[in-house]
PDB file of all heavy atoms in Angstrom:
ATOM      1  N   LEU A   1       0.825  -1.207   0.000  1.00  0.00           N
ATOM      2  CA  LEU A   1       0.000   0.000   0.000  1.00  0.00           C
ATOM      3  C   LEU A   1       0.859   1.257   0.000  1.00  0.00           C
ATOM      4  O   LEU A   1       0.554   2.239  -0.673  1.00  0.00           O
ATOM      5  CB  LEU A   1      -0.923  -0.005   1.225  1.00  0.00           C
ATOM      6  CG  LEU A   1      -2.095  -0.998   1.175  1.00  0.00           C
ATOM      7  CD1 LEU A   1      -2.790  -1.041   2.531  1.00  0.00           C
ATOM      8  CD2 LEU A   1      -3.084  -0.616   0.086  1.00  0.00           C
ATOM      9  N   HIS A   2       1.957   1.218   0.769  1.00  0.00           N
ATOM     10  CA  HIS A   2       2.863   2.371   0.789  1.00  0.00           C
ATOM     11  C   HIS A   2       3.488   2.599  -0.578  1.00  0.00           C
ATOM     12  O   HIS A   2       3.631   3.741  -1.032  1.00  0.00           O
ATOM     13  CB  HIS A   2       3.953   2.174   1.838  1.00  0.00           C
ATOM     14  CG  HIS A   2       3.527   2.539   3.223  1.00  0.00           C
ATOM     15  ND1 HIS A   2       3.265   3.815   3.613  1.00  0.00           N
ATOM     16  CD2 HIS A   2       3.293   1.769   4.328  1.00  0.00           C
ATOM     17  CE1 HIS A   2       2.915   3.853   4.884  1.00  0.00           C
ATOM     18  NE2 HIS A   2       2.906   2.609   5.343  1.00  0.00           N
ATOM     19  N   LEU A   3       3.895   1.506  -1.253  1.00  0.00           N
ATOM     20  CA  LEU A   3       4.473   1.640  -2.583  1.00  0.00           C
ATOM     21  C   LEU A   3       3.452   2.186  -3.566  1.00  0.00           C
ATOM     22  O   LEU A   3       3.767   3.019  -4.417  1.00  0.00           O
ATOM     23  CB  LEU A   3       5.003   0.275  -3.062  1.00  0.00           C
ATOM     24  CG  LEU A   3       6.254  -0.227  -2.353  1.00  0.00           C
ATOM     25  CD1 LEU A   3       6.564  -1.663  -2.781  1.00  0.00           C
ATOM     26  CD2 LEU A   3       7.448   0.678  -2.655  1.00  0.00           C
ATOM     27  N   PHE A   4       2.202   1.709  -3.452  1.00  0.00           N
ATOM     28  CA  PHE A   4       1.137   2.221  -4.310  1.00  0.00           C
ATOM     29  C   PHE A   4       0.969   3.722  -4.109  1.00  0.00           C
ATOM     30  O   PHE A   4       0.906   4.496  -5.070  1.00  0.00           O
ATOM     31  CB  PHE A   4      -0.174   1.496  -3.996  1.00  0.00           C
ATOM     32  CG  PHE A   4      -1.347   2.009  -4.782  1.00  0.00           C
ATOM     33  CD1 PHE A   4      -1.596   1.531  -6.049  1.00  0.00           C
ATOM     34  CD2 PHE A   4      -2.193   2.972  -4.242  1.00  0.00           C
ATOM     35  CE1 PHE A   4      -2.671   2.008  -6.781  1.00  0.00           C
ATOM     36  CE2 PHE A   4      -3.262   3.453  -4.969  1.00  0.00           C
ATOM     37  CZ  PHE A   4      -3.517   2.971  -6.239  1.00  0.00           C
ATOM     38  N   ALA A   5       0.923   4.135  -2.854  1.00  0.00           N
ATOM     39  CA  ALA A   5       0.754   5.556  -2.560  1.00  0.00           C
ATOM     40  C   ALA A   5       1.946   6.369  -3.028  1.00  0.00           C
ATOM     41  O   ALA A   5       1.805   7.460  -3.563  1.00  0.00           O
ATOM     42  CB  ALA A   5       0.550   5.753  -1.054  1.00  0.00           C
ATOM     43  N   PHE A   6       3.140   5.793  -2.858  1.00  0.00           N
ATOM     44  CA  PHE A   6       4.371   6.498  -3.222  1.00  0.00           C
ATOM     45  C   PHE A   6       4.405   6.816  -4.711  1.00  0.00           C
ATOM     46  O   PHE A   6       4.724   7.919  -5.140  1.00  0.00           O
ATOM     47  CB  PHE A   6       5.570   5.635  -2.844  1.00  0.00           C
ATOM     48  CG  PHE A   6       6.895   6.276  -3.149  1.00  0.00           C
ATOM     49  CD1 PHE A   6       7.504   7.111  -2.224  1.00  0.00           C
ATOM     50  CD2 PHE A   6       7.538   6.028  -4.354  1.00  0.00           C
ATOM     51  CE1 PHE A   6       8.728   7.695  -2.495  1.00  0.00           C
ATOM     52  CE2 PHE A   6       8.761   6.605  -4.627  1.00  0.00           C
ATOM     53  CZ  PHE A   6       9.350   7.438  -3.699  1.00  0.00           C
ATOM     54  N   PHE A   7       4.043   5.832  -5.532  1.00  0.00           N
ATOM     55  CA  PHE A   7       4.196   6.000  -6.965  1.00  0.00           C
ATOM     56  C   PHE A   7       2.948   6.527  -7.664  1.00  0.00           C
ATOM     57  O   PHE A   7       3.035   7.166  -8.695  1.00  0.00           O
ATOM     58  CB  PHE A   7       4.597   4.670  -7.607  1.00  0.00           C
ATOM     59  CG  PHE A   7       6.003   4.278  -7.307  1.00  0.00           C
ATOM     60  CD1 PHE A   7       6.292   3.062  -6.720  1.00  0.00           C
ATOM     61  CD2 PHE A   7       7.055   5.115  -7.614  1.00  0.00           C
ATOM     62  CE1 PHE A   7       7.600   2.690  -6.451  1.00  0.00           C
ATOM     63  CE2 PHE A   7       8.365   4.765  -7.354  1.00  0.00           C
ATOM     64  CZ  PHE A   7       8.643   3.553  -6.770  1.00  0.00           C
ATOM     65  N   LEU A   8       1.767   6.258  -7.118  1.00  0.00           N
ATOM     66  CA  LEU A   8       0.567   6.529  -7.887  1.00  0.00           C
ATOM     67  C   LEU A   8      -0.283   7.680  -7.360  1.00  0.00           C
ATOM     68  O   LEU A   8      -0.899   8.386  -8.133  1.00  0.00           O
ATOM     69  CB  LEU A   8      -0.306   5.267  -7.956  1.00  0.00           C
ATOM     70  CG  LEU A   8       0.344   4.043  -8.602  1.00  0.00           C
ATOM     71  CD1 LEU A   8      -0.673   2.908  -8.655  1.00  0.00           C
ATOM     72  CD2 LEU A   8       0.830   4.364 -10.003  1.00  0.00           C
ATOM     73  N   LEU A   9      -0.360   7.851  -6.068  1.00  0.00           N
ATOM     74  CA  LEU A   9      -1.328   8.795  -5.540  1.00  0.00           C
ATOM     75  C   LEU A   9      -0.769  10.215  -5.466  1.00  0.00           C
ATOM     76  O   LEU A   9       0.310  10.444  -4.942  1.00  0.00           O
ATOM     77  CB  LEU A   9      -1.780   8.352  -4.139  1.00  0.00           C
ATOM     78  CG  LEU A   9      -2.438   6.968  -4.091  1.00  0.00           C
ATOM     79  CD1 LEU A   9      -2.845   6.650  -2.666  1.00  0.00           C
ATOM     80  CD2 LEU A   9      -3.646   6.906  -5.020  1.00  0.00           C
ATOM     81  N   PRO A  10      -1.493  11.190  -5.990  1.00  0.00           N
ATOM     82  CA  PRO A  10      -1.010  12.578  -6.026  1.00  0.00           C
ATOM     83  C   PRO A  10      -1.191  13.289  -4.695  1.00  0.00           C
ATOM     84  O   PRO A  10      -1.973  14.219  -4.561  1.00  0.00           O
ATOM     85  CB  PRO A  10      -1.889  13.207  -7.122  1.00  0.00           C
ATOM     86  CG  PRO A  10      -3.161  12.439  -7.063  1.00  0.00           C
ATOM     87  CD  PRO A  10      -2.780  11.035  -6.665  1.00  0.00           C
ATOM     88  N   ASP A  11      -0.487  12.854  -3.678  1.00  0.00           N
ATOM     89  CA  ASP A  11      -0.579  13.446  -2.353  1.00  0.00           C
ATOM     90  C   ASP A  11       0.335  14.659  -2.270  1.00  0.00           C
ATOM     91  O   ASP A  11       1.559  14.533  -2.269  1.00  0.00           O
ATOM     92  CB  ASP A  11      -0.187  12.396  -1.301  1.00  0.00           C
ATOM     93  CG  ASP A  11      -0.193  12.969   0.105  1.00  0.00           C
ATOM     94  OD1 ASP A  11      -0.643  14.115   0.286  1.00  0.00           O
ATOM     95  OD2 ASP A  11       0.252  12.254   1.007  1.00  0.00           O
ATOM     96  N   GLU A  12      -0.241  15.839  -2.213  1.00  0.00           N
ATOM     97  CA  GLU A  12       0.562  17.059  -2.244  1.00  0.00           C
ATOM     98  C   GLU A  12       1.397  17.239  -0.985  1.00  0.00           C
ATOM     99  O   GLU A  12       2.334  18.021  -0.962  1.00  0.00           O
ATOM    100  CB  GLU A  12      -0.357  18.274  -2.436  1.00  0.00           C
ATOM    101  CG  GLU A  12      -1.017  18.326  -3.801  1.00  0.00           C
ATOM    102  CD  GLU A  12       0.002  18.320  -4.936  1.00  0.00           C
ATOM    103  OE1 GLU A  12       1.071  18.934  -4.799  1.00  0.00           O
ATOM    104  OE2 GLU A  12      -0.281  17.692  -5.965  1.00  0.00           O
ATOM    105  N   SER A  13       1.042  16.535   0.109  1.00  0.00           N
ATOM    106  CA  SER A  13       1.815  16.676   1.342  1.00  0.00           C
ATOM    107  C   SER A  13       3.104  15.870   1.272  1.00  0.00           C
ATOM    108  O   SER A  13       3.983  16.028   2.111  1.00  0.00           O
ATOM    109  CB  SER A  13       0.984  16.204   2.535  1.00  0.00           C
ATOM    110  OG  SER A  13       0.743  14.801   2.447  1.00  0.00           O
ATOM    111  N   ARG A  14       3.200  14.973   0.283  1.00  0.00           N
ATOM    112  CA  ARG A  14       4.382  14.111   0.164  1.00  0.00           C
ATOM    113  C   ARG A  14       5.290  14.674  -0.930  1.00  0.00           C
ATOM    114  O   ARG A  14       4.837  15.111  -1.970  1.00  0.00           O
ATOM    115  CB  ARG A  14       3.931  12.683  -0.205  1.00  0.00           C
ATOM    116  CG  ARG A  14       5.070  11.748  -0.523  1.00  0.00           C
ATOM    117  CD  ARG A  14       4.533  10.347  -0.763  1.00  0.00           C
ATOM    118  NE  ARG A  14       3.365  10.333  -1.609  1.00  0.00           N
ATOM    119  CZ  ARG A  14       3.406  10.469  -2.928  1.00  0.00           C
ATOM    120  NH1 ARG A  14       4.541  10.643  -3.529  1.00  0.00           N
ATOM    121  NH2 ARG A  14       2.294  10.431  -3.648  1.00  0.00           N
ATOM    122  N   ARG A  15       6.572  14.665  -0.682  1.00  0.00           N
ATOM    123  CA  ARG A  15       7.529  15.146  -1.676  1.00  0.00           C
ATOM    124  C   ARG A  15       8.462  14.010  -2.055  1.00  0.00           C
ATOM    125  O   ARG A  15       9.114  13.414  -1.194  1.00  0.00           O
ATOM    126  CB  ARG A  15       8.333  16.331  -1.124  1.00  0.00           C
ATOM    127  CG  ARG A  15       7.498  17.599  -0.976  1.00  0.00           C
ATOM    128  CD  ARG A  15       7.104  18.147  -2.336  1.00  0.00           C
ATOM    129  NE  ARG A  15       6.248  19.322  -2.206  1.00  0.00           N
ATOM    130  CZ  ARG A  15       4.940  19.294  -2.336  1.00  0.00           C
ATOM    131  NH1 ARG A  15       4.322  18.144  -2.542  1.00  0.00           N
ATOM    132  NH2 ARG A  15       4.232  20.399  -2.243  1.00  0.00           N
ATOM    133  N   VAL A  16       8.534  13.725  -3.332  1.00  0.00           N
ATOM    134  CA  VAL A  16       9.407  12.675  -3.832  1.00  0.00           C
ATOM    135  C   VAL A  16      10.578  13.334  -4.537  1.00  0.00           C
ATOM    136  O   VAL A  16      10.400  14.286  -5.287  1.00  0.00           O
ATOM    137  CB  VAL A  16       8.648  11.768  -4.832  1.00  0.00           C
ATOM    138  CG1 VAL A  16       9.576  10.694  -5.390  1.00  0.00           C
ATOM    139  CG2 VAL A  16       7.456  11.127  -4.150  1.00  0.00           C
ATOM    140  N   SER A  17      11.775  12.850  -4.286  1.00  0.00           N
ATOM    141  CA  SER A  17      12.958  13.397  -4.945  1.00  0.00           C
ATOM    142  C   SER A  17      12.749  13.434  -6.444  1.00  0.00           C
ATOM    143  O   SER A  17      12.244  12.494  -7.047  1.00  0.00           O
ATOM    144  CB  SER A  17      14.178  12.531  -4.626  1.00  0.00           C
ATOM    145  OG  SER A  17      15.272  12.909  -5.445  1.00  0.00           O
ATOM    146  N   LYS A  18      13.151  14.524  -7.076  1.00  0.00           N
ATOM    147  CA  LYS A  18      12.937  14.637  -8.517  1.00  0.00           C
ATOM    148  C   LYS A  18      14.101  14.069  -9.320  1.00  0.00           C
ATOM    149  O   LYS A  18      14.181  14.261 -10.519  1.00  0.00           O
ATOM    150  CB  LYS A  18      12.675  16.092  -8.903  1.00  0.00           C
ATOM    151  CG  LYS A  18      13.794  17.076  -8.590  1.00  0.00           C
ATOM    152  CD  LYS A  18      13.351  18.476  -8.999  1.00  0.00           C
ATOM    153  CE  LYS A  18      14.394  19.518  -8.651  1.00  0.00           C
ATOM    154  NZ  LYS A  18      13.951  20.863  -9.041  1.00  0.00           N
ATOM    155  N   GLU A  19      14.987  13.385  -8.684  1.00  0.00           N
ATOM    156  CA  GLU A  19      16.087  12.758  -9.402  1.00  0.00           C
ATOM    157  C   GLU A  19      16.227  11.297  -8.997  1.00  0.00           C
ATOM    158  O   GLU A  19      15.995  10.943  -7.844  1.00  0.00           O
ATOM    159  CB  GLU A  19      17.417  13.463  -9.103  1.00  0.00           C
ATOM    160  CG  GLU A  19      17.424  14.947  -9.442  1.00  0.00           C
ATOM    161  CD  GLU A  19      17.407  15.224 -10.930  1.00  0.00           C
ATOM    162  OE1 GLU A  19      17.709  14.307 -11.710  1.00  0.00           O
ATOM    163  OE2 GLU A  19      17.073  16.361 -11.310  1.00  0.00           O
ATOM    164  N   ILE A  20      16.580  10.470  -9.961  1.00  0.00           N
ATOM    165  CA  ILE A  20      17.085   9.129  -9.671  1.00  0.00           C
ATOM    166  C   ILE A  20      18.555   9.152 -10.053  1.00  0.00           C
ATOM    167  O   ILE A  20      18.906   9.585 -11.146  1.00  0.00           O
ATOM    168  CB  ILE A  20      16.348   8.060 -10.505  1.00  0.00           C
ATOM    169  CG1 ILE A  20      15.011   7.706  -9.860  1.00  0.00           C
ATOM    170  CG2 ILE A  20      17.181   6.795 -10.629  1.00  0.00           C
ATOM    171  CD1 ILE A  20      14.254   6.631 -10.577  1.00  0.00           C
ATOM    172  N   GLN A  21      19.409   8.730  -9.165  1.00  0.00           N
ATOM    173  CA  GLN A  21      20.843   8.706  -9.453  1.00  0.00           C
ATOM    174  C   GLN A  21      21.360   7.286  -9.250  1.00  0.00           C
ATOM    175  O   GLN A  21      21.935   6.957  -8.219  1.00  0.00           O
ATOM    176  CB  GLN A  21      21.581   9.703  -8.562  1.00  0.00           C
ATOM    177  CG  GLN A  21      21.219  11.147  -8.875  1.00  0.00           C
ATOM    178  CD  GLN A  21      21.970  12.141  -8.007  1.00  0.00           C
ATOM    179  OE1 GLN A  21      22.400  11.826  -6.916  1.00  0.00           O
ATOM    180  NE2 GLN A  21      22.132  13.351  -8.516  1.00  0.00           N
ATOM    181  N   LEU A  22      21.105   6.459 -10.242  1.00  0.00           N
ATOM    182  CA  LEU A  22      21.577   5.079 -10.199  1.00  0.00           C
ATOM    183  C   LEU A  22      23.024   4.980 -10.669  1.00  0.00           C
ATOM    184  O   LEU A  22      23.750   4.072 -10.289  1.00  0.00           O
ATOM    185  CB  LEU A  22      20.679   4.185 -11.062  1.00  0.00           C
ATOM    186  CG  LEU A  22      19.199   4.157 -10.650  1.00  0.00           C
ATOM    187  CD1 LEU A  22      18.388   3.334 -11.628  1.00  0.00           C
ATOM    188  CD2 LEU A  22      19.051   3.600  -9.246  1.00  0.00           C
ATOM    189  N   VAL A  23      23.438   5.915 -11.514  1.00  0.00           N
ATOM    190  CA  VAL A  23      24.811   5.937 -12.038  1.00  0.00           C
ATOM    191  C   VAL A  23      25.342   7.360 -11.962  1.00  0.00           C
ATOM    192  O   VAL A  23      24.708   8.288 -12.464  1.00  0.00           O
ATOM    193  CB  VAL A  23      24.864   5.450 -13.501  1.00  0.00           C
ATOM    194  CG1 VAL A  23      26.260   5.647 -14.082  1.00  0.00           C
ATOM    195  CG2 VAL A  23      24.468   3.985 -13.593  1.00  0.00           C
ATOM    196  N   GLU A  24      26.481   7.532 -11.323  1.00  0.00           N
ATOM    197  CA  GLU A  24      27.165   8.827 -11.308  1.00  0.00           C
ATOM    198  C   GLU A  24      28.170   8.843 -12.456  1.00  0.00           C
ATOM    199  O   GLU A  24      29.102   8.038 -12.496  1.00  0.00           O
ATOM    200  CB  GLU A  24      27.897   9.032  -9.981  1.00  0.00           C
ATOM    201  CG  GLU A  24      26.980   9.238  -8.787  1.00  0.00           C
ATOM    202  CD  GLU A  24      26.405  10.638  -8.743  1.00  0.00           C
ATOM    203  OE1 GLU A  24      26.795  11.463  -9.592  1.00  0.00           O
ATOM    204  OE2 GLU A  24      25.568  10.892  -7.873  1.00  0.00           O
ATOM    205  N   PHE A  25      27.982   9.762 -13.408  1.00  0.00           N
ATOM    206  CA  PHE A  25      28.834   9.784 -14.596  1.00  0.00           C
ATOM    207  C   PHE A  25      30.313   9.930 -14.247  1.00  0.00           C
ATOM    208  O   PHE A  25      31.174   9.355 -14.896  1.00  0.00           O
ATOM    209  CB  PHE A  25      28.404  10.921 -15.530  1.00  0.00           C
ATOM    210  CG  PHE A  25      27.099  10.672 -16.231  1.00  0.00           C
ATOM    211  CD1 PHE A  25      25.983  11.436 -15.940  1.00  0.00           C
ATOM    212  CD2 PHE A  25      26.983   9.663 -17.179  1.00  0.00           C
ATOM    213  CE1 PHE A  25      24.781  11.208 -16.583  1.00  0.00           C
ATOM    214  CE2 PHE A  25      25.777   9.430 -17.822  1.00  0.00           C
ATOM    215  CZ  PHE A  25      24.670  10.204 -17.529  1.00  0.00           C
ATOM    216  N   ARG A  26      30.594  10.700 -13.208  1.00  0.00           N
ATOM    217  CA  ARG A  26      31.993  10.966 -12.876  1.00  0.00           C
ATOM    218  C   ARG A  26      32.706   9.731 -12.307  1.00  0.00           C
ATOM    219  O   ARG A  26      33.928   9.701 -12.222  1.00  0.00           O
ATOM    220  CB  ARG A  26      32.096  12.124 -11.887  1.00  0.00           C
ATOM    221  CG  ARG A  26      31.462  11.873 -10.526  1.00  0.00           C
ATOM    222  CD  ARG A  26      31.643  13.065  -9.600  1.00  0.00           C
ATOM    223  NE  ARG A  26      31.009  12.862  -8.311  1.00  0.00           N
ATOM    224  CZ  ARG A  26      29.748  13.182  -8.045  1.00  0.00           C
ATOM    225  NH1 ARG A  26      29.002  13.719  -9.006  1.00  0.00           N
ATOM    226  NH2 ARG A  26      29.234  12.981  -6.842  1.00  0.00           N
ATOM    227  N   GLU A  27      31.934   8.717 -11.893  1.00  0.00           N
ATOM    228  CA  GLU A  27      32.526   7.542 -11.264  1.00  0.00           C
ATOM    229  C   GLU A  27      32.929   6.458 -12.259  1.00  0.00           C
ATOM    230  O   GLU A  27      33.691   5.558 -11.912  1.00  0.00           O
ATOM    231  CB  GLU A  27      31.552   6.950 -10.243  1.00  0.00           C
ATOM    232  CG  GLU A  27      31.317   7.841  -9.033  1.00  0.00           C
ATOM    233  CD  GLU A  27      30.386   7.191  -8.028  1.00  0.00           C
ATOM    234  OE1 GLU A  27      30.016   6.016  -8.238  1.00  0.00           O
ATOM    235  OE2 GLU A  27      30.034   7.853  -7.037  1.00  0.00           O
ATOM    236  N   TYR A  28      32.402   6.516 -13.465  1.00  0.00           N
ATOM    237  CA  TYR A  28      32.638   5.430 -14.426  1.00  0.00           C
ATOM    238  C   TYR A  28      33.024   5.990 -15.795  1.00  0.00           C
ATOM    239  O   TYR A  28      32.563   7.060 -16.199  1.00  0.00           O
ATOM    240  CB  TYR A  28      31.379   4.566 -14.585  1.00  0.00           C
ATOM    241  CG  TYR A  28      30.896   3.950 -13.310  1.00  0.00           C
ATOM    242  CD1 TYR A  28      29.809   4.501 -12.621  1.00  0.00           C
ATOM    243  CD2 TYR A  28      31.495   2.820 -12.769  1.00  0.00           C
ATOM    244  CE1 TYR A  28      29.347   3.947 -11.437  1.00  0.00           C
ATOM    245  CE2 TYR A  28      31.054   2.252 -11.584  1.00  0.00           C
ATOM    246  CZ  TYR A  28      29.976   2.820 -10.931  1.00  0.00           C
ATOM    247  OH  TYR A  28      29.529   2.268  -9.763  1.00  0.00           O
ATOM    248  N   GLU A  29      33.847   5.236 -16.504  1.00  0.00           N
ATOM    249  CA  GLU A  29      34.162   5.592 -17.880  1.00  0.00           C
ATOM    250  C   GLU A  29      32.909   5.392 -18.735  1.00  0.00           C
ATOM    251  O   GLU A  29      32.117   4.472 -18.487  1.00  0.00           O
ATOM    252  CB  GLU A  29      35.295   4.714 -18.406  1.00  0.00           C
ATOM    253  CG  GLU A  29      36.622   4.935 -17.694  1.00  0.00           C
ATOM    254  CD  GLU A  29      37.697   4.013 -18.226  1.00  0.00           C
ATOM    255  OE1 GLU A  29      37.391   3.214 -19.138  1.00  0.00           O
ATOM    256  OE2 GLU A  29      38.825   4.099 -17.723  1.00  0.00           O
ATOM    257  N   PRO A  30      32.730   6.235 -19.753  1.00  0.00           N
ATOM    258  CA  PRO A  30      31.538   6.102 -20.613  1.00  0.00           C
ATOM    259  C   PRO A  30      31.345   4.695 -21.172  1.00  0.00           C
ATOM    260  O   PRO A  30      30.215   4.200 -21.224  1.00  0.00           O
ATOM    261  CB  PRO A  30      31.810   7.109 -21.731  1.00  0.00           C
ATOM    262  CG  PRO A  30      32.681   8.147 -21.097  1.00  0.00           C
ATOM    263  CD  PRO A  30      33.544   7.402 -20.131  1.00  0.00           C
TER     264      PRO A  30
END
């Protein structure tokens, strides 16, 4: 239920980070 709310429900009181950083470009060669 928490995952459903996190991804789907437009709860204005909740703030989700606007970035996903799975790979840092500076850490790896292209």
